[in-house]
Every structure is written in C-alpha cells, then in structure tokens.
C-alpha cells in the first residue's frame, strides 16, 4: 500500500512524498530539492522515482539536485514538454511503475499544454491517489496560462470521473482563498460552509488542508459544479447573459476568479 504526504516548499507549494512502507519513496513535483532530501534522510528512505506534472519551475526546480544525489532515478514527465529534466516522457494512458504499483497518466492540458496527472488506483488497504499538480486544487483549479477554458474544462471533467474516494493531492495550499471565492459563487451550499469551518480549523493548527477527496470537490468546488443550478445562476448573473453550455459556465467562473480579491 502506498501512502502520500505533502512536504511544504516555498510559500505555498506541496511536494508529494510517496512511500511504499518498505523503505522506498517517490516524489511528485519537486520544485525544491532541500525538503525532499531532508525527508528522505529523516525517514531513512531510498528515492526510487521522480514524477513531474508540468514544466513550471516551482515543480521541476529541484530535479537536477535530486538527480545529482540519485543519478539512476528515472524522471517521469509529459512528452513534448519544455522540462528538459524529464528522462521518460509519457502520453495519455501510459502506465508508470511507482514503487511497484501502477499509475495511469491522464493528460490534463489547460494550465499548461504539457500538463499531466498521475492516478494510482486503490485497493482494499488504501484509497486511490490522484497527483494533479496545478490542474485541480482544493476547492479551485489552476489558472489558464497556455490552454483555453474549453480545454481546461475538459481536463477537469476527466478528473471528476474518477472514483469519489480518490485522494486529491494537488500542489498548492490555496484552499482557504478558494473557499472564500466559492462561497461568493454558491453561498447557500451547506457542504461548502462545513468545509470552510473544517479547513480553517486545520490551517489554524498549521495542518494542511490536503489531500481532499474527489467527492468533497464535487460537492464544494465551483469548477466541478458547472451543472449545479446555483453555480449556473451565479455565472449567468456575472456574464449578464444566458450560458447554454457547461464550458461557458466554467469559463465565466474562471475569469471571475482571476479578478477576485
């Protein structure tokens, strides 16, 4: 059974440390090598793989230093990526061996064109794990830098189709700010109000809000709820016109979030 824990980096990044319970580890999106090296030494772990979701420096900046210490470790990442550190390039549907457990690659362009996610199916001993980088956040989603809204919406819908008990392991601690925006969009959502209370208490205790679950995201995340009547109504009020398609609702909510303060 694999377990995953977030390693804080920079102001709000999380590097995900995956352990197999037998002294081996993999890391996802190591933008900084220092917290990874410290965790490996503290826990007596051998690094077996590096997984990259996309090319942004805060996700790949520590790869070179980790490879210098662990020169035989494979660096998995998206094909056709600007990330020169990737040694094994992956496309949609590829299966990666992560510490003896298969992980399926899901292409999720939008935030960047090369963005991928890694999905590890659960078993009787553990829930599924989704490492989604900057595509899906706790109660939010990534900014659209290289793709477009329709592309990002399609990517999020692919993730939304995964099992509800999937653990959502994203790469930034943005949850409280995202919840504030979500409550503006859907203030009468009781699940969202309860999430706000729970996650604010966690942060007050200096605990991460992640991983969340996909079921929680489907119940509270406005970027996965473009079919909900309240979210559609809020989007149309914002746009000042009828929105016939789900991707138009998503695009309106995403552009609203871009200027929300």
Protein backbone atom coordinates (compact mmCIF):
# COMPACT_ATOMS: atom_id res chain seq x y z
CA UNK A 1 0.00 0.00 0.00
CA UNK A 2 1.33 3.43 -0.95
CA UNK A 3 0.90 6.46 1.27
CA UNK A 4 1.37 10.11 0.35
CA UNK A 5 2.28 13.10 2.47
CA UNK A 6 2.79 16.75 1.49
CA UNK A 7 6.18 18.36 2.01
CA UNK A 8 5.84 22.17 2.24
CA UNK A 9 8.07 24.18 -0.10
CA UNK A 10 8.38 27.88 -0.93
CA UNK A 11 5.41 29.98 0.24
CA UNK A 12 2.57 27.57 -0.54
CA UNK A 13 3.80 24.62 -2.65
CA UNK A 14 3.45 20.98 -1.71
CA UNK A 15 5.88 18.34 -2.93
CA UNK A 16 4.24 14.94 -2.53
CA UNK A 17 6.32 12.20 -0.91
CA UNK A 18 5.04 8.73 -1.74
CA UNK A 19 6.17 5.80 0.45
CA UNK A 20 5.73 2.07 -0.06
CA UNK A 21 6.24 1.07 3.58
CA UNK A 22 9.40 -0.83 2.68
CA UNK A 23 11.91 2.00 2.76
CA UNK A 24 11.38 3.30 -0.77
CA UNK A 25 9.94 6.63 -1.89
CA UNK A 26 8.94 8.63 -4.94
CA UNK A 27 8.34 12.37 -5.15
CA UNK A 28 5.94 14.42 -7.23
CA UNK A 29 6.78 17.93 -8.49
CA UNK A 30 9.96 18.64 -6.51
CA UNK A 31 10.37 22.34 -7.12
CA UNK A 32 12.96 22.41 -4.34
CA UNK A 33 15.34 19.57 -3.51
CA UNK A 34 16.02 20.58 0.11
CA UNK A 35 12.75 19.43 1.74
CA UNK A 36 12.90 16.17 -0.21
CA UNK A 37 16.47 15.42 0.83
CA UNK A 38 15.63 16.25 4.45
CA UNK A 39 12.57 13.97 4.43
CA UNK A 40 14.46 11.09 2.82
CA UNK A 41 17.23 11.32 5.40
CA UNK A 42 14.88 11.74 8.35
CA UNK A 43 12.75 8.76 7.34
CA UNK A 44 15.57 6.57 6.05
CA UNK A 45 14.10 6.30 2.55
CA UNK A 46 15.64 5.41 -0.80
CA UNK A 47 14.44 7.56 -3.69
CA UNK A 48 13.05 5.39 -6.47
CA UNK A 49 11.33 7.80 -8.87
CA UNK A 50 10.57 11.43 -9.61
CA UNK A 51 7.21 12.33 -11.16
CA UNK A 52 6.64 15.69 -12.85
CA UNK A 53 3.22 17.04 -13.85
CA UNK A 54 4.31 20.08 -15.88
CA UNK A 55 7.24 22.30 -16.65
CA UNK A 56 6.84 25.28 -14.32
CA UNK A 57 9.99 25.99 -12.25
CA UNK A 58 8.26 25.58 -8.88
CA UNK A 59 7.55 21.97 -9.92
CA UNK A 60 10.86 20.98 -11.53
CA UNK A 61 13.43 23.32 -9.95
CA UNK A 62 14.77 20.69 -7.54
CA UNK A 63 15.05 17.82 -10.02
CA UNK A 64 18.66 18.48 -11.02
CA UNK A 65 19.91 18.48 -7.44
CA UNK A 66 17.96 15.32 -6.63
CA UNK A 67 19.37 13.58 -9.69
CA UNK A 68 22.87 14.64 -8.69
CA UNK A 69 22.38 12.79 -5.41
CA UNK A 70 20.44 9.90 -7.01
CA UNK A 71 21.79 9.62 -10.57
CA UNK A 72 19.95 6.42 -11.52
CA UNK A 73 16.48 7.65 -10.57
CA UNK A 74 14.06 7.98 -13.50
CA UNK A 75 12.30 11.31 -14.01
CA UNK A 76 8.83 10.75 -15.46
CA UNK A 77 7.01 13.62 -17.08
CA UNK A 78 4.92 14.77 -20.03
CA UNK A 79 6.05 14.31 -23.60
CA UNK A 80 6.62 17.42 -25.73
CA UNK A 81 7.41 19.31 -22.55
CA UNK A 82 9.79 22.24 -22.10
CA UNK A 83 11.02 20.47 -18.95
CA UNK A 84 14.47 19.25 -20.01
CA UNK A 85 14.82 17.21 -16.82
CA UNK A 86 12.33 14.55 -17.97
CA UNK A 87 14.07 11.28 -18.86
CA UNK A 88 10.97 9.14 -19.52
CA UNK A 89 8.30 11.02 -21.49
CA UNK A 90 4.68 9.96 -21.07
CA UNK A 91 1.45 10.35 -23.03
CA UNK A 92 -2.18 9.84 -22.18
CA UNK A 93 -2.97 6.36 -20.85
CA UNK A 94 0.66 5.43 -20.18
CA UNK A 95 1.25 3.20 -17.17
CA UNK A 96 4.13 4.07 -14.86
CA UNK A 97 5.57 1.75 -12.21
CA UNK A 98 5.63 3.76 -8.98
CA UNK A 99 7.39 1.70 -6.32
CA UNK A 100 5.85 -1.48 -7.69
CA UNK A 101 2.35 -0.02 -8.11
CA UNK A 102 0.93 1.04 -11.50
CA UNK A 103 -0.03 4.67 -12.02
CA UNK A 104 -2.06 5.78 -15.04
CA UNK A 105 -1.22 9.00 -16.83
CA UNK A 106 -4.09 11.36 -17.64
CA UNK A 107 -3.40 14.32 -19.92
CA UNK A 108 -4.98 17.47 -18.46
CA UNK A 109 -3.91 20.47 -20.56
CA UNK A 110 -5.13 23.94 -19.72
CA UNK A 111 -2.91 25.36 -17.00
CA UNK A 112 -0.07 24.41 -19.34
CA UNK A 113 -0.23 22.49 -22.61
CA UNK A 114 2.03 19.72 -21.31
CA UNK A 115 0.19 19.11 -18.01
CA UNK A 116 -0.45 15.52 -16.94
CA UNK A 117 -1.82 13.87 -13.79
CA UNK A 118 -0.99 10.52 -12.21
CA UNK A 119 -3.75 8.24 -10.93
CA UNK A 120 -2.99 5.28 -8.68
CA UNK A 121 -5.98 3.00 -8.21
CA UNK A 122 -6.71 1.99 -4.65
CA UNK A 123 -7.09 -1.46 -3.17
CA UNK A 124 -8.53 -3.00 -0.03
CA UNK A 125 -5.80 -1.33 2.03
CA UNK A 126 -5.84 2.17 0.62
CA UNK A 127 -7.81 4.77 -1.32
CA UNK A 128 -6.91 5.82 -4.87
CA UNK A 129 -4.39 8.63 -5.18
CA UNK A 130 -4.51 11.47 -7.72
CA UNK A 131 -1.48 13.71 -8.21
CA UNK A 132 -2.90 16.57 -10.24
CA UNK A 133 -0.31 19.35 -9.99
CA UNK A 134 -1.89 22.71 -10.75
CA UNK A 135 -4.99 21.47 -12.59
CA UNK A 136 -7.37 20.73 -9.70
CA UNK A 137 -6.91 22.48 -6.35
CA UNK A 138 -8.71 22.22 -3.04
CA UNK A 139 -12.00 24.00 -3.89
CA UNK A 140 -10.44 25.52 -7.01
CA UNK A 141 -8.48 24.97 -10.20
CA UNK A 142 -5.35 26.33 -11.79
CA UNK A 143 -5.11 29.50 -13.83
CA UNK A 144 -5.20 29.02 -17.57
CA UNK A 145 -1.80 30.06 -18.90
CA UNK A 146 -1.26 28.09 -22.10
CA UNK A 147 -4.57 26.45 -22.96
CA UNK A 148 -8.11 27.80 -23.08
CA UNK A 149 -11.24 27.46 -20.97
CA UNK A 150 -12.78 24.68 -23.03
CA UNK A 151 -9.54 22.68 -22.78
CA UNK A 152 -9.32 23.17 -19.01
CA UNK A 153 -12.97 22.28 -18.55
CA UNK A 154 -12.45 19.01 -20.45
CA UNK A 155 -9.41 18.21 -18.32
CA UNK A 156 -11.31 18.80 -15.09
CA UNK A 157 -14.18 16.65 -16.27
CA UNK A 158 -11.73 13.80 -16.85
CA UNK A 159 -10.60 14.06 -13.24
CA UNK A 160 -14.18 14.42 -12.00
CA UNK A 161 -14.98 10.99 -13.47
CA UNK A 162 -12.56 9.22 -11.11
CA UNK A 163 -13.87 7.39 -8.01
CA UNK A 164 -15.29 9.65 -5.31
CA UNK A 165 -12.99 8.35 -2.57
CA UNK A 166 -9.90 9.30 -4.58
CA UNK A 167 -7.43 11.31 -2.52
CA UNK A 168 -6.75 14.59 -4.35
CA UNK A 169 -3.08 15.50 -3.96
CA UNK A 170 -2.55 18.90 -5.55
CA UNK A 171 0.49 21.11 -5.47
CA UNK A 172 -0.51 24.30 -3.62
CA UNK A 173 -2.13 25.27 -0.33
CA UNK A 174 -4.71 27.59 -1.87
CA UNK A 175 -7.77 26.07 -0.24
CA UNK A 176 -8.91 28.86 2.09
CA UNK A 177 -8.75 31.53 -0.61
CA UNK A 178 -10.56 29.22 -3.00
CA UNK A 179 -13.27 28.56 -0.41
CA UNK A 180 -13.79 32.31 0.01
CA UNK A 181 -14.42 32.63 -3.71
CA UNK A 182 -16.60 29.50 -3.81
CA UNK A 183 -18.84 30.95 -1.08
CA UNK A 184 -19.29 34.05 -3.24
CA UNK A 185 -20.45 31.85 -6.10
CA UNK A 186 -22.58 29.44 -4.05
CA UNK A 187 -23.26 30.94 -0.60
CA UNK A 188 -26.11 28.55 0.27
CA UNK A 189 -24.04 25.38 -0.21
CA UNK A 190 -24.08 23.68 3.20
CA UNK A 191 -21.28 21.26 2.28
CA UNK A 192 -19.14 24.24 1.37
CA UNK A 193 -19.89 26.02 4.64
CA UNK A 194 -18.90 22.91 6.61
CA UNK A 195 -15.73 22.61 4.56
CA UNK A 196 -14.89 26.21 5.32
CA UNK A 197 -15.13 25.59 9.06
CA UNK A 198 -13.13 22.35 8.90
CA UNK A 199 -10.33 23.67 6.70
CA UNK A 200 -9.99 26.95 8.59
CA UNK A 201 -9.56 24.95 11.78
CA UNK A 202 -6.89 22.83 10.12
CA UNK A 203 -4.91 25.85 8.97
CA UNK A 204 -5.24 27.40 12.45
CA UNK A 205 -3.48 24.27 13.73
CA UNK A 206 -0.82 24.65 10.97
CA UNK A 207 -2.12 21.48 9.29
CA UNK A 208 -2.52 21.04 5.52
CA UNK A 209 -6.00 21.01 4.03
CA UNK A 210 -4.81 18.34 1.60
CA UNK A 211 -5.36 15.74 0.43
CA UNK A 212 -9.05 16.29 -0.06
CA UNK A 213 -11.31 13.75 -1.72
CA UNK A 214 -12.88 13.93 -5.13
CA UNK A 215 -16.31 13.53 -3.52
CA UNK A 216 -15.65 16.64 -1.44
CA UNK A 217 -14.52 18.56 -4.52
CA UNK A 218 -17.64 17.53 -6.42
CA UNK A 219 -19.76 18.80 -3.53
CA UNK A 220 -17.95 22.11 -2.96
CA UNK A 221 -15.65 23.10 -5.83
CA UNK A 222 -17.41 25.51 -8.23
CA UNK A 223 -15.11 24.50 -11.08
CA UNK A 224 -16.53 20.97 -10.94
CA UNK A 225 -20.10 22.17 -10.38
CA UNK A 226 -20.97 23.98 -13.62
CA UNK A 227 -24.08 21.79 -13.84
CA UNK A 228 -25.38 22.89 -10.42
CA UNK A 229 -28.31 25.31 -10.65
CA UNK A 230 -26.85 27.79 -8.16
CA UNK A 231 -23.46 27.88 -9.92
CA UNK A 232 -25.09 28.33 -13.33
CA UNK A 233 -27.27 31.13 -12.00
CA UNK A 234 -24.26 32.90 -10.46
CA UNK A 235 -22.29 32.56 -13.71
CA UNK A 236 -25.14 33.95 -15.82
CA UNK A 237 -25.60 36.85 -13.43
CA UNK A 238 -21.89 37.56 -13.72
CA UNK A 239 -21.92 37.26 -17.52
CA UNK A 240 -25.17 39.16 -17.92
CA UNK A 241 -26.47 36.67 -20.47
CA UNK A 242 -27.70 33.13 -20.96
CA UNK A 243 -24.99 30.47 -20.89
CA UNK A 244 -26.09 27.44 -22.86
CA UNK A 245 -23.10 25.16 -22.32
CA UNK A 246 -21.24 23.88 -19.27
CA UNK A 247 -17.89 25.05 -20.64
CA UNK A 248 -19.30 28.60 -20.90
CA UNK A 249 -20.31 28.45 -17.23
CA UNK A 250 -16.83 27.23 -16.36
CA UNK A 251 -15.16 29.97 -18.43
CA UNK A 252 -17.22 32.65 -16.70
CA UNK A 253 -16.43 31.32 -13.22
CA UNK A 254 -12.72 31.00 -14.08
CA UNK A 255 -12.47 34.56 -15.41
CA UNK A 256 -14.35 35.79 -12.30
CA UNK A 257 -11.85 34.04 -10.05
CA UNK A 258 -8.97 35.66 -11.96
CA UNK A 259 -10.04 39.09 -10.69
CA UNK A 260 -11.49 38.08 -7.32
CA UNK A 261 -9.92 39.79 -4.33
